[in-house]
Amino acid sequence: MKRRLYSILFAASAMCGTPALAEAPSTSPLLGSWAVDIAKLTMPAEARPKSVTITHSDAGGGKWRTKVDVVLPDGKAVLAISTFAPDGTATPVEGNLEADMAATRLPEPGVMVTALALRGNPGSMRTYTVSPDGRTMTETVVYFKEGGVPAMRTNSFNRVR
């Protein structure tokens, strides 16, 4: 449960990774703040975070910044931040409990794909897709269970701004 929560955190901060399309940051529908729909998380209610907010912004010079603010079930706040160029190379992630590196690309407008790692070990792969109306974002998480069995889950986010 805790690992899954950190996975959400990690994914969010992973998005701090690196997009790689000719799309200017100021035109991307991914930019802005997104709050996870806590009620739709696929974990027991008592294990769910109180909140998860991902904010993607233009850091200038062709770079993006992603901040992931999480309030854990016990009320502890965790902040993960990454600033990256849109070239798909590995970029440090600070403050994340599940990842310390992320590589991200934007294969098309409104879609972000991020690979995460921790201490040199592969983590999860995440795909974020913004709805056509720009109001919601879906996160598809690909991860591995015990014994290397692949699995997926989906998280829903609503635009805050």
C-alpha atoms as a PDB file:
ATOM      1  CA  MET A   1       0.000   0.000   0.000  1.00  0.00           C
ATOM      2  CA  LYS A   2       2.716   2.425   1.027  1.00  0.00           C
ATOM      3  CA  ARG A   3       4.739   1.478  -2.049  1.00  0.00           C
ATOM      4  CA  ARG A   4       1.713   2.194  -4.257  1.00  0.00           C
ATOM      5  CA  LEU A   5       1.283   5.617  -2.623  1.00  0.00           C
ATOM      6  CA  TYR A   6       4.939   6.400  -3.206  1.00  0.00           C
ATOM      7  CA  SER A   7       4.475   5.154  -6.738  1.00  0.00           C
ATOM      8  CA  ILE A   8       1.853   7.825  -7.291  1.00  0.00           C
ATOM      9  CA  LEU A   9       4.239  10.363  -5.805  1.00  0.00           C
ATOM     10  CA  PHE A  10       7.043   9.054  -7.909  1.00  0.00           C
ATOM     11  CA  ALA A  11       5.042   9.087 -11.062  1.00  0.00           C
ATOM     12  CA  ALA A  12       4.074  12.580 -10.486  1.00  0.00           C
ATOM     13  CA  SER A  13       7.585  13.672  -9.837  1.00  0.00           C
ATOM     14  CA  ALA A  14       8.753  11.606 -12.699  1.00  0.00           C
ATOM     15  CA  MET A  15       6.710  13.723 -14.921  1.00  0.00           C
ATOM     16  CA  CYS A  16       9.310  16.194 -13.977  1.00  0.00           C
ATOM     17  CA  GLY A  17      11.294  14.135 -16.423  1.00  0.00           C
ATOM     18  CA  THR A  18      11.819  15.313 -19.973  1.00  0.00           C
ATOM     19  CA  PRO A  19       9.451  15.868 -22.862  1.00  0.00           C
ATOM     20  CA  ALA A  20      10.777  15.666 -26.428  1.00  0.00           C
ATOM     21  CA  LEU A  21       8.487  17.105 -29.042  1.00  0.00           C
ATOM     22  CA  ALA A  22       8.726  20.389 -30.859  1.00  0.00           C
ATOM     23  CA  GLU A  23       5.780  21.469 -28.719  1.00  0.00           C
ATOM     24  CA  ALA A  24       6.580  24.652 -26.811  1.00  0.00           C
ATOM     25  CA  PRO A  25       5.921  24.331 -23.072  1.00  0.00           C
ATOM     26  CA  SER A  26       3.510  27.269 -23.133  1.00  0.00           C
ATOM     27  CA  THR A  27       1.223  25.433 -25.567  1.00  0.00           C
ATOM     28  CA  SER A  28       1.112  22.033 -23.907  1.00  0.00           C
ATOM     29  CA  PRO A  29      -2.193  20.965 -22.331  1.00  0.00           C
ATOM     30  CA  LEU A  30      -0.099  19.159 -19.689  1.00  0.00           C
ATOM     31  CA  LEU A  31       0.971  22.480 -18.154  1.00  0.00           C
ATOM     32  CA  GLY A  32      -0.867  23.526 -15.015  1.00  0.00           C
ATOM     33  CA  SER A  33      -1.841  21.842 -11.755  1.00  0.00           C
ATOM     34  CA  TRP A  34      -3.563  18.466 -11.480  1.00  0.00           C
ATOM     35  CA  ALA A  35      -5.132  16.886  -8.367  1.00  0.00           C
ATOM     36  CA  VAL A  36      -5.544  13.126  -8.113  1.00  0.00           C
ATOM     37  CA  ASP A  37      -9.098  11.897  -7.582  1.00  0.00           C
ATOM     38  CA  ILE A  38      -8.483  10.233  -4.210  1.00  0.00           C
ATOM     39  CA  ALA A  39     -11.793   8.330  -4.278  1.00  0.00           C
ATOM     40  CA  LYS A  40     -10.781   6.535  -7.486  1.00  0.00           C
ATOM     41  CA  LEU A  41      -7.403   5.278  -6.211  1.00  0.00           C
ATOM     42  CA  THR A  42      -7.215   1.484  -6.255  1.00  0.00           C
ATOM     43  CA  MET A  43      -5.994   1.039  -2.698  1.00  0.00           C
ATOM     44  CA  PRO A  44      -7.758   0.732   0.653  1.00  0.00           C
ATOM     45  CA  ALA A  45      -9.177   4.061   1.841  1.00  0.00           C
ATOM     46  CA  GLU A  46      -6.947   4.104   4.936  1.00  0.00           C
ATOM     47  CA  ALA A  47      -3.811   3.814   2.767  1.00  0.00           C
ATOM     48  CA  ARG A  48      -4.751   6.624   0.386  1.00  0.00           C
ATOM     49  CA  PRO A  49      -2.916   9.935   0.528  1.00  0.00           C
ATOM     50  CA  LYS A  50      -4.932  12.928   1.693  1.00  0.00           C
ATOM     51  CA  SER A  51      -3.932  14.725  -1.502  1.00  0.00           C
ATOM     52  CA  VAL A  52      -1.613  14.545  -4.514  1.00  0.00           C
ATOM     53  CA  THR A  53      -1.093  17.580  -6.743  1.00  0.00           C
ATOM     54  CA  ILE A  54       1.187  17.611  -9.784  1.00  0.00           C
ATOM     55  CA  THR A  55       2.179  20.954 -11.272  1.00  0.00           C
ATOM     56  CA  HIS A  56       3.966  21.237 -14.618  1.00  0.00           C
ATOM     57  CA  SER A  57       5.369  24.643 -15.507  1.00  0.00           C
ATOM     58  CA  ASP A  58       7.652  26.343 -18.003  1.00  0.00           C
ATOM     59  CA  ALA A  59      11.061  26.751 -16.323  1.00  0.00           C
ATOM     60  CA  GLY A  60      12.404  28.939 -19.146  1.00  0.00           C
ATOM     61  CA  GLY A  61      15.163  28.194 -21.614  1.00  0.00           C
ATOM     62  CA  GLY A  62      13.178  25.341 -23.125  1.00  0.00           C
ATOM     63  CA  LYS A  63      12.981  23.494 -19.788  1.00  0.00           C
ATOM     64  CA  TRP A  64      10.040  22.250 -17.756  1.00  0.00           C
ATOM     65  CA  ARG A  65       9.610  21.981 -13.976  1.00  0.00           C
ATOM     66  CA  THR A  66       7.397  19.435 -12.282  1.00  0.00           C
ATOM     67  CA  LYS A  67       6.420  19.630  -8.627  1.00  0.00           C
ATOM     68  CA  VAL A  68       4.536  16.856  -6.897  1.00  0.00           C
ATOM     69  CA  ASP A  69       2.945  17.787  -3.580  1.00  0.00           C
ATOM     70  CA  VAL A  70       1.668  14.845  -1.555  1.00  0.00           C
ATOM     71  CA  VAL A  71       0.032  14.753   1.845  1.00  0.00           C
ATOM     72  CA  LEU A  72       0.388  11.213   3.167  1.00  0.00           C
ATOM     73  CA  PRO A  73      -2.342   9.456   5.181  1.00  0.00           C
ATOM     74  CA  ASP A  74      -0.564  10.443   8.429  1.00  0.00           C
ATOM     75  CA  GLY A  75      -0.560  14.126   7.377  1.00  0.00           C
ATOM     76  CA  LYS A  76       3.140  14.284   6.494  1.00  0.00           C
ATOM     77  CA  ALA A  77       3.812  16.490   3.452  1.00  0.00           C
ATOM     78  CA  VAL A  78       6.235  15.337   0.747  1.00  0.00           C
ATOM     79  CA  LEU A  79       7.448  17.516  -2.132  1.00  0.00           C
ATOM     80  CA  ALA A  80       9.246  16.159  -5.207  1.00  0.00           C
ATOM     81  CA  ILE A  81      10.743  18.500  -7.819  1.00  0.00           C
ATOM     82  CA  SER A  82      12.501  18.073 -11.126  1.00  0.00           C
ATOM     83  CA  THR A  83      13.622  20.518 -13.808  1.00  0.00           C
ATOM     84  CA  PHE A  84      14.405  19.045 -17.205  1.00  0.00           C
ATOM     85  CA  ALA A  85      15.097  19.719 -20.858  1.00  0.00           C
ATOM     86  CA  PRO A  86      12.758  18.111 -23.398  1.00  0.00           C
ATOM     87  CA  ASP A  87      15.290  15.643 -24.774  1.00  0.00           C
ATOM     88  CA  GLY A  88      14.418  12.349 -23.069  1.00  0.00           C
ATOM     89  CA  THR A  89      17.650  12.033 -21.101  1.00  0.00           C
ATOM     90  CA  ALA A  90      17.739  11.024 -17.451  1.00  0.00           C
ATOM     91  CA  THR A  91      17.191  13.926 -15.072  1.00  0.00           C
ATOM     92  CA  PRO A  92      17.503  14.023 -11.264  1.00  0.00           C
ATOM     93  CA  VAL A  93      14.321  14.027  -9.167  1.00  0.00           C
ATOM     94  CA  GLU A  94      14.628  15.593  -5.708  1.00  0.00           C
ATOM     95  CA  GLY A  95      12.474  14.714  -2.713  1.00  0.00           C
ATOM     96  CA  ASN A  96      10.780  11.648  -4.177  1.00  0.00           C
ATOM     97  CA  LEU A  97      10.637   8.540  -2.006  1.00  0.00           C
ATOM     98  CA  GLU A  98      10.348   6.195  -4.984  1.00  0.00           C
ATOM     99  CA  ALA A  99      12.620   7.692  -7.658  1.00  0.00           C
ATOM    100  CA  ASP A 100      15.762   9.743  -7.973  1.00  0.00           C
ATOM    101  CA  MET A 101      15.941   9.781 -11.803  1.00  0.00           C
ATOM    102  CA  ALA A 102      13.375  10.208 -14.563  1.00  0.00           C
ATOM    103  CA  ALA A 103      13.447  10.336 -18.351  1.00  0.00           C
ATOM    104  CA  THR A 104      10.425  11.832 -20.106  1.00  0.00           C
ATOM    105  CA  ARG A 105       9.213  12.522 -23.640  1.00  0.00           C
ATOM    106  CA  LEU A 106       6.119  14.050 -25.198  1.00  0.00           C
ATOM    107  CA  PRO A 107       5.283  11.770 -28.135  1.00  0.00           C
ATOM    108  CA  GLU A 108       2.339  13.992 -29.111  1.00  0.00           C
ATOM    109  CA  PRO A 109       0.487  16.984 -27.644  1.00  0.00           C
ATOM    110  CA  GLY A 110      -1.230  16.114 -24.379  1.00  0.00           C
ATOM    111  CA  VAL A 111       0.723  12.883 -23.854  1.00  0.00           C
ATOM    112  CA  MET A 112       3.743  12.434 -21.572  1.00  0.00           C
ATOM    113  CA  VAL A 113       5.687   9.182 -21.121  1.00  0.00           C
ATOM    114  CA  THR A 114       8.063   8.866 -18.160  1.00  0.00           C
ATOM    115  CA  ALA A 115      10.451   6.136 -17.027  1.00  0.00           C
ATOM    116  CA  LEU A 116      11.538   6.152 -13.379  1.00  0.00           C
ATOM    117  CA  ALA A 117      14.511   4.711 -11.532  1.00  0.00           C
ATOM    118  CA  LEU A 118      15.824   4.614  -7.969  1.00  0.00           C
ATOM    119  CA  ARG A 119      19.511   4.125  -7.123  1.00  0.00           C
ATOM    120  CA  GLY A 120      20.150   2.762 -10.610  1.00  0.00           C
ATOM    121  CA  ASN A 121      17.303   0.241 -10.502  1.00  0.00           C
ATOM    122  CA  PRO A 122      14.398   0.420 -12.965  1.00  0.00           C
ATOM    123  CA  GLY A 123      11.142   1.622 -11.434  1.00  0.00           C
ATOM    124  CA  SER A 124       7.867   2.137 -13.224  1.00  0.00           C
ATOM    125  CA  MET A 125       6.803   3.554 -16.572  1.00  0.00           C
ATOM    126  CA  ARG A 126       4.028   6.147 -16.630  1.00  0.00           C
ATOM    127  CA  THR A 127       1.924   7.572 -19.405  1.00  0.00           C
ATOM    128  CA  TYR A 128      -0.097  10.738 -18.806  1.00  0.00           C
ATOM    129  CA  THR A 129      -2.866  11.651 -21.227  1.00  0.00           C
ATOM    130  CA  VAL A 130      -4.899  14.868 -21.111  1.00  0.00           C
ATOM    131  CA  SER A 131      -8.535  14.630 -22.195  1.00  0.00           C
ATOM    132  CA  PRO A 132      -9.629  16.539 -25.321  1.00  0.00           C
ATOM    133  CA  ASP A 133     -11.426  19.142 -23.180  1.00  0.00           C
ATOM    134  CA  GLY A 134      -8.272  19.642 -21.015  1.00  0.00           C
ATOM    135  CA  ARG A 135     -10.132  19.086 -17.738  1.00  0.00           C
ATOM    136  CA  THR A 136      -8.814  15.644 -16.777  1.00  0.00           C
ATOM    137  CA  MET A 137      -5.575  13.706 -17.027  1.00  0.00           C
ATOM    138  CA  THR A 138      -5.208   9.928 -16.881  1.00  0.00           C
ATOM    139  CA  GLU A 139      -2.056   8.286 -15.548  1.00  0.00           C
ATOM    140  CA  THR A 140      -1.388   4.711 -16.650  1.00  0.00           C
ATOM    141  CA  VAL A 141       1.276   3.105 -14.473  1.00  0.00           C
ATOM    142  CA  VAL A 142       3.213   0.039 -15.651  1.00  0.00           C
ATOM    143  CA  TYR A 143       5.102  -1.686 -12.839  1.00  0.00           C
ATOM    144  CA  PHE A 144       6.305  -5.117 -11.786  1.00  0.00           C
ATOM    145  CA  LYS A 145       4.985  -7.281  -8.969  1.00  0.00           C
ATOM    146  CA  GLU A 146       6.861  -9.980  -7.078  1.00  0.00           C
ATOM    147  CA  GLY A 147       8.649 -12.362  -9.424  1.00  0.00           C
ATOM    148  CA  GLY A 148       8.796  -9.800 -12.234  1.00  0.00           C
ATOM    149  CA  VAL A 149       5.109 -10.128 -13.141  1.00  0.00           C
ATOM    150  CA  PRO A 150       4.021  -7.030 -15.106  1.00  0.00           C
ATOM    151  CA  ALA A 151       0.961  -5.119 -13.920  1.00  0.00           C
ATOM    152  CA  MET A 152      -0.875  -1.870 -14.645  1.00  0.00           C
ATOM    153  CA  ARG A 153      -3.131   0.569 -12.835  1.00  0.00           C
ATOM    154  CA  THR A 154      -4.824   3.820 -13.775  1.00  0.00           C
ATOM    155  CA  ASN A 155      -5.101   7.031 -11.746  1.00  0.00           C
ATOM    156  CA  SER A 156      -7.381   9.970 -12.566  1.00  0.00           C
ATOM    157  CA  PHE A 157      -6.464  13.645 -12.114  1.00  0.00           C
ATOM    158  CA  ASN A 158      -8.611  16.768 -12.375  1.00  0.00           C
ATOM    159  CA  ARG A 159      -7.247  20.122 -13.537  1.00  0.00           C
ATOM    160  CA  VAL A 160      -6.855  22.576 -10.655  1.00  0.00           C
ATOM    161  CA  ARG A 161      -5.580  25.400 -12.879  1.00  0.00           C
END
